[in-house]
Amino acid sequence: MFREVLQEVVDNTDGGVAGLLMGFDGIPVDQYVRDDAVMDVETIGMEYSVILKSIRQAAEMLEAGEAVEVAIKAERMVTVIRLLNDEYFVAVSLKPSGNLGKARFLLRTRSQKLLADLV
């Protein structure tokens, strides 16, 4: 059920490579990687989960409200992460030339479906 949503987001985003639903504890719930992609999605998710914890703490300390979304643009990959609740986040990675706006839109609109299925 989660894989279908991840696949929809990745396949409907120009340049989409992989999607991941993971707990902040670093344990993956589900993932989808395009056939032509070679990447260790779980390791990427575990590393980003550590960063997300710090971002959440910083937002709280600054009284900025809850962190909702983070985008990390690197030389060879862009990753958009949407925090679902205190326990889970969803991420999609795409090529630098990919459609970042579409990835953000699809994550935002599909996050409620993922949350409903997590309960």
N, C-alpha and C. Protein backbone atom coordinates (compact mmCIF):
# COMPACT_ATOMS: atom_id res chain seq x y z
N MET A 1 0.80 -1.19 0.00
CA MET A 1 0.00 0.00 0.00
C MET A 1 0.85 1.26 0.00
N PHE A 2 1.94 1.30 0.80
CA PHE A 2 2.82 2.47 0.82
C PHE A 2 3.63 2.55 -0.47
N ARG A 3 4.05 1.40 -0.94
CA ARG A 3 4.88 1.35 -2.15
C ARG A 3 4.15 1.97 -3.34
N GLU A 4 2.85 1.74 -3.44
CA GLU A 4 2.09 2.29 -4.55
C GLU A 4 2.10 3.82 -4.53
N VAL A 5 1.98 4.40 -3.35
CA VAL A 5 2.00 5.86 -3.23
C VAL A 5 3.39 6.38 -3.57
N LEU A 6 4.43 5.72 -3.05
CA LEU A 6 5.80 6.14 -3.35
C LEU A 6 6.08 6.04 -4.84
N GLN A 7 5.63 4.96 -5.46
CA GLN A 7 5.84 4.78 -6.89
C GLN A 7 5.11 5.87 -7.68
N GLU A 8 3.90 6.19 -7.26
CA GLU A 8 3.13 7.24 -7.94
C GLU A 8 3.88 8.57 -7.90
N VAL A 9 4.42 8.92 -6.73
CA VAL A 9 5.14 10.18 -6.59
C VAL A 9 6.39 10.18 -7.46
N VAL A 10 7.18 9.11 -7.40
CA VAL A 10 8.43 9.05 -8.16
C VAL A 10 8.15 9.03 -9.66
N ASP A 11 7.26 8.16 -10.09
CA ASP A 11 7.01 8.01 -11.52
C ASP A 11 6.32 9.21 -12.14
N ASN A 12 5.61 10.00 -11.35
CA ASN A 12 4.91 11.18 -11.88
C ASN A 12 5.69 12.47 -11.69
N THR A 13 6.93 12.35 -11.23
CA THR A 13 7.81 13.50 -11.09
C THR A 13 8.91 13.38 -12.14
N ASP A 14 9.02 14.36 -13.01
CA ASP A 14 10.11 14.35 -13.99
C ASP A 14 11.44 14.30 -13.24
N GLY A 15 12.26 13.31 -13.57
CA GLY A 15 13.55 13.16 -12.91
C GLY A 15 13.49 12.39 -11.62
N GLY A 16 12.31 11.90 -11.22
CA GLY A 16 12.17 11.14 -9.98
C GLY A 16 12.98 9.86 -10.04
N VAL A 17 13.64 9.54 -8.94
CA VAL A 17 14.52 8.37 -8.89
C VAL A 17 14.07 7.37 -7.83
N ALA A 18 13.72 7.87 -6.64
CA ALA A 18 13.38 6.96 -5.54
C ALA A 18 12.49 7.65 -4.53
N GLY A 19 11.73 6.84 -3.81
CA GLY A 19 10.88 7.32 -2.73
C GLY A 19 11.04 6.44 -1.51
N LEU A 20 10.87 7.02 -0.34
CA LEU A 20 11.10 6.29 0.90
C LEU A 20 10.15 6.78 1.98
N LEU A 21 9.56 5.85 2.70
CA LEU A 21 8.79 6.14 3.90
C LEU A 21 9.56 5.54 5.05
N MET A 22 9.94 6.37 6.03
CA MET A 22 10.83 5.91 7.08
C MET A 22 10.45 6.52 8.42
N GLY A 23 10.75 5.80 9.48
CA GLY A 23 10.58 6.32 10.82
C GLY A 23 11.79 7.14 11.22
N PHE A 24 11.60 8.05 12.15
CA PHE A 24 12.72 8.85 12.64
C PHE A 24 13.74 7.99 13.39
N ASP A 25 13.37 6.76 13.70
CA ASP A 25 14.31 5.84 14.32
C ASP A 25 15.25 5.21 13.30
N GLY A 26 15.08 5.56 12.01
CA GLY A 26 15.94 5.05 10.96
C GLY A 26 15.49 3.73 10.36
N ILE A 27 14.34 3.25 10.78
CA ILE A 27 13.82 1.98 10.25
C ILE A 27 12.88 2.28 9.08
N PRO A 28 13.20 1.75 7.89
CA PRO A 28 12.34 2.02 6.73
C PRO A 28 11.02 1.26 6.82
N VAL A 29 9.95 1.91 6.39
CA VAL A 29 8.64 1.27 6.32
C VAL A 29 8.47 0.66 4.93
N ASP A 30 8.78 1.46 3.90
CA ASP A 30 8.69 0.98 2.52
C ASP A 30 9.51 1.90 1.63
N GLN A 31 9.82 1.41 0.44
CA GLN A 31 10.59 2.20 -0.50
C GLN A 31 10.26 1.79 -1.93
N TYR A 32 10.60 2.69 -2.84
CA TYR A 32 10.46 2.40 -4.27
C TYR A 32 11.64 3.05 -4.97
N VAL A 33 12.32 2.27 -5.79
CA VAL A 33 13.44 2.77 -6.57
C VAL A 33 13.20 2.39 -8.02
N ARG A 34 13.31 3.37 -8.92
CA ARG A 34 13.16 3.07 -10.35
C ARG A 34 14.18 2.02 -10.77
N ASP A 35 13.81 1.22 -11.74
CA ASP A 35 14.66 0.13 -12.20
C ASP A 35 16.04 0.58 -12.64
N ASP A 36 16.13 1.76 -13.25
CA ASP A 36 17.42 2.22 -13.78
C ASP A 36 18.27 2.96 -12.74
N ALA A 37 17.77 3.09 -11.52
CA ALA A 37 18.49 3.82 -10.48
C ALA A 37 19.32 2.87 -9.63
N VAL A 38 20.51 3.32 -9.31
CA VAL A 38 21.38 2.55 -8.43
C VAL A 38 21.69 3.44 -7.23
N MET A 39 21.00 3.17 -6.13
CA MET A 39 21.24 3.95 -4.92
C MET A 39 20.78 3.16 -3.70
N ASP A 40 21.43 3.43 -2.60
CA ASP A 40 21.08 2.78 -1.34
C ASP A 40 20.13 3.71 -0.58
N VAL A 41 18.86 3.58 -0.86
CA VAL A 41 17.84 4.47 -0.33
C VAL A 41 17.79 4.41 1.19
N GLU A 42 17.94 3.23 1.76
CA GLU A 42 17.85 3.09 3.21
C GLU A 42 18.96 3.86 3.92
N THR A 43 20.17 3.79 3.40
CA THR A 43 21.29 4.51 4.01
C THR A 43 21.06 6.01 3.91
N ILE A 44 20.60 6.46 2.76
CA ILE A 44 20.30 7.89 2.59
C ILE A 44 19.25 8.31 3.61
N GLY A 45 18.20 7.53 3.75
CA GLY A 45 17.14 7.84 4.71
C GLY A 45 17.63 7.88 6.14
N MET A 46 18.48 6.92 6.51
CA MET A 46 19.01 6.90 7.88
C MET A 46 19.85 8.14 8.17
N GLU A 47 20.67 8.54 7.21
CA GLU A 47 21.50 9.73 7.40
C GLU A 47 20.65 10.98 7.50
N TYR A 48 19.65 11.09 6.64
CA TYR A 48 18.78 12.26 6.68
C TYR A 48 17.90 12.28 7.92
N SER A 49 17.59 11.13 8.49
CA SER A 49 16.76 11.12 9.71
C SER A 49 17.48 11.82 10.86
N VAL A 50 18.79 11.68 10.91
CA VAL A 50 19.58 12.37 11.93
C VAL A 50 19.50 13.88 11.73
N ILE A 51 19.64 14.31 10.49
CA ILE A 51 19.56 15.74 10.17
C ILE A 51 18.18 16.29 10.48
N LEU A 52 17.15 15.52 10.15
CA LEU A 52 15.78 15.97 10.40
C LEU A 52 15.51 16.20 11.87
N LYS A 53 16.06 15.35 12.72
CA LYS A 53 15.88 15.54 14.16
C LYS A 53 16.45 16.89 14.59
N SER A 54 17.61 17.24 14.06
CA SER A 54 18.23 18.52 14.40
C SER A 54 17.41 19.69 13.87
N ILE A 55 16.88 19.55 12.66
CA ILE A 55 16.05 20.61 12.08
C ILE A 55 14.79 20.82 12.91
N ARG A 56 14.18 19.72 13.34
CA ARG A 56 12.98 19.82 14.18
C ARG A 56 13.30 20.54 15.49
N GLN A 57 14.42 20.20 16.10
CA GLN A 57 14.81 20.84 17.36
C GLN A 57 15.10 22.32 17.15
N ALA A 58 15.78 22.65 16.06
CA ALA A 58 16.10 24.05 15.78
C ALA A 58 14.83 24.87 15.56
N ALA A 59 13.88 24.33 14.81
CA ALA A 59 12.62 25.04 14.58
C ALA A 59 11.89 25.28 15.89
N GLU A 60 11.93 24.29 16.77
CA GLU A 60 11.28 24.42 18.07
C GLU A 60 11.98 25.48 18.92
N MET A 61 13.31 25.45 18.96
CA MET A 61 14.07 26.43 19.74
C MET A 61 13.83 27.86 19.25
N LEU A 62 13.67 28.01 17.94
CA LEU A 62 13.46 29.32 17.35
C LEU A 62 12.00 29.76 17.40
N GLU A 63 11.16 28.88 17.96
CA GLU A 63 9.72 29.14 18.04
C GLU A 63 9.15 29.46 16.66
N ALA A 64 9.63 28.70 15.66
CA ALA A 64 9.19 28.89 14.27
C ALA A 64 8.01 27.99 13.92
N GLY A 65 7.60 27.16 14.85
CA GLY A 65 6.56 26.19 14.58
C GLY A 65 7.19 24.87 14.15
N GLU A 66 6.35 23.90 13.87
CA GLU A 66 6.85 22.59 13.48
C GLU A 66 7.43 22.62 12.08
N ALA A 67 8.55 21.93 11.91
CA ALA A 67 9.12 21.76 10.57
C ALA A 67 8.19 20.85 9.78
N VAL A 68 7.95 21.19 8.53
CA VAL A 68 7.02 20.43 7.71
C VAL A 68 7.73 19.82 6.50
N GLU A 69 8.65 20.56 5.91
CA GLU A 69 9.28 20.10 4.68
C GLU A 69 10.72 20.59 4.62
N VAL A 70 11.58 19.75 4.05
CA VAL A 70 12.98 20.09 3.89
C VAL A 70 13.41 19.64 2.50
N ALA A 71 14.16 20.48 1.81
CA ALA A 71 14.73 20.10 0.51
C ALA A 71 16.24 20.20 0.62
N ILE A 72 16.91 19.17 0.15
CA ILE A 72 18.36 19.13 0.18
C ILE A 72 18.84 18.98 -1.26
N LYS A 73 19.52 20.00 -1.73
CA LYS A 73 20.01 19.99 -3.11
C LYS A 73 21.52 19.75 -3.08
N ALA A 74 21.91 18.63 -3.63
CA ALA A 74 23.33 18.29 -3.74
C ALA A 74 23.70 18.30 -5.22
N GLU A 75 24.95 18.10 -5.50
CA GLU A 75 25.44 18.16 -6.87
C GLU A 75 24.78 17.13 -7.78
N ARG A 76 24.56 15.92 -7.27
CA ARG A 76 24.03 14.85 -8.13
C ARG A 76 22.63 14.37 -7.74
N MET A 77 22.03 15.00 -6.72
CA MET A 77 20.73 14.53 -6.27
C MET A 77 20.02 15.62 -5.47
N VAL A 78 18.72 15.70 -5.68
CA VAL A 78 17.87 16.59 -4.87
C VAL A 78 16.92 15.68 -4.10
N THR A 79 16.79 15.93 -2.81
CA THR A 79 15.87 15.15 -1.99
C THR A 79 14.90 16.08 -1.29
N VAL A 80 13.63 15.78 -1.45
CA VAL A 80 12.57 16.53 -0.78
C VAL A 80 12.00 15.62 0.30
N ILE A 81 11.93 16.14 1.51
CA ILE A 81 11.45 15.35 2.65
C ILE A 81 10.25 16.06 3.26
N ARG A 82 9.20 15.30 3.47
CA ARG A 82 7.99 15.82 4.11
C ARG A 82 7.80 15.08 5.43
N LEU A 83 7.76 15.82 6.51
CA LEU A 83 7.56 15.22 7.82
C LEU A 83 6.08 14.95 7.99
N LEU A 84 5.74 13.70 8.29
CA LEU A 84 4.33 13.31 8.39
C LEU A 84 3.79 13.51 9.80
N ASN A 85 4.56 13.13 10.79
CA ASN A 85 4.19 13.30 12.20
C ASN A 85 5.46 13.16 13.03
N ASP A 86 5.32 12.93 14.32
CA ASP A 86 6.51 12.83 15.19
C ASP A 86 7.30 11.56 14.97
N GLU A 87 6.75 10.61 14.23
CA GLU A 87 7.41 9.33 14.06
C GLU A 87 7.89 9.02 12.65
N TYR A 88 7.28 9.63 11.62
CA TYR A 88 7.56 9.23 10.24
C TYR A 88 7.78 10.42 9.31
N PHE A 89 8.55 10.15 8.26
CA PHE A 89 8.70 11.11 7.18
C PHE A 89 8.72 10.36 5.85
N VAL A 90 8.44 11.09 4.79
CA VAL A 90 8.47 10.54 3.43
C VAL A 90 9.44 11.41 2.63
N ALA A 91 10.20 10.76 1.76
CA ALA A 91 11.19 11.48 0.97
C ALA A 91 11.15 11.00 -0.47
N VAL A 92 11.46 11.91 -1.37
CA VAL A 92 11.62 11.54 -2.77
C VAL A 92 12.93 12.17 -3.25
N SER A 93 13.71 11.38 -3.97
CA SER A 93 14.97 11.86 -4.55
C SER A 93 14.80 11.97 -6.05
N LEU A 94 15.39 13.00 -6.60
CA LEU A 94 15.31 13.20 -8.03
C LEU A 94 16.62 13.74 -8.57
N LYS A 95 16.77 13.66 -9.87
CA LYS A 95 17.94 14.22 -10.53
C LYS A 95 17.91 15.73 -10.37
N PRO A 96 19.09 16.38 -10.39
CA PRO A 96 19.11 17.83 -10.23
C PRO A 96 18.27 18.58 -11.27
N SER A 97 18.10 17.97 -12.43
CA SER A 97 17.29 18.60 -13.48
C SER A 97 15.80 18.27 -13.35
N GLY A 98 15.45 17.50 -12.32
CA GLY A 98 14.06 17.07 -12.12
C GLY A 98 13.15 18.21 -11.70
N ASN A 99 11.87 17.92 -11.66
CA ASN A 99 10.85 18.91 -11.35
C ASN A 99 10.60 18.96 -9.84
N LEU A 100 11.32 19.82 -9.17
CA LEU A 100 11.24 19.96 -7.71
C LEU A 100 9.84 20.36 -7.26
N GLY A 101 9.22 21.28 -7.97
CA GLY A 101 7.87 21.73 -7.61
C GLY A 101 6.86 20.60 -7.67
N LYS A 102 6.94 19.77 -8.67
CA LYS A 102 6.02 18.64 -8.80
C LYS A 102 6.25 17.64 -7.67
N ALA A 103 7.51 17.39 -7.33
CA ALA A 103 7.80 16.48 -6.23
C ALA A 103 7.21 17.01 -4.93
N ARG A 104 7.36 18.29 -4.67
CA ARG A 104 6.81 18.90 -3.46
C ARG A 104 5.29 18.79 -3.44
N PHE A 105 4.67 19.08 -4.58
CA PHE A 105 3.21 19.01 -4.68
C PHE A 105 2.71 17.59 -4.42
N LEU A 106 3.32 16.62 -5.07
CA LEU A 106 2.87 15.23 -4.91
C LEU A 106 3.08 14.73 -3.48
N LEU A 107 4.19 15.10 -2.86
CA LEU A 107 4.40 14.69 -1.46
C LEU A 107 3.34 15.32 -0.56
N ARG A 108 3.06 16.59 -0.79
CA ARG A 108 2.06 17.28 0.04
C ARG A 108 0.68 16.67 -0.12
N THR A 109 0.30 16.39 -1.35
CA THR A 109 -1.05 15.88 -1.58
C THR A 109 -1.21 14.40 -1.24
N ARG A 110 -0.14 13.65 -1.20
CA ARG A 110 -0.22 12.22 -0.89
C ARG A 110 0.10 11.90 0.56
N SER A 111 0.56 12.89 1.30
CA SER A 111 0.97 12.63 2.68
C SER A 111 -0.19 12.17 3.57
N GLN A 112 -1.39 12.70 3.36
CA GLN A 112 -2.53 12.28 4.17
C GLN A 112 -2.88 10.81 3.95
N LYS A 113 -2.73 10.35 2.72
CA LYS A 113 -2.98 8.93 2.42
C LYS A 113 -1.97 8.05 3.17
N LEU A 114 -0.72 8.46 3.15
CA LEU A 114 0.30 7.69 3.88
C LEU A 114 0.01 7.69 5.37
N LEU A 115 -0.34 8.84 5.92
CA LEU A 115 -0.66 8.93 7.35
C LEU A 115 -1.84 8.06 7.73
N ALA A 116 -2.86 8.07 6.90
CA ALA A 116 -4.06 7.27 7.19
C ALA A 116 -3.71 5.78 7.19
N ASP A 117 -2.83 5.36 6.30
CA ASP A 117 -2.45 3.95 6.24
C ASP A 117 -1.47 3.55 7.35
N LEU A 118 -0.79 4.51 7.92
CA LEU A 118 0.15 4.22 9.02
C LEU A 118 -0.58 3.90 10.33
N VAL A 119 -1.76 4.42 10.48
CA VAL A 119 -2.50 4.26 11.74
C VAL A 119 -3.12 2.89 11.85
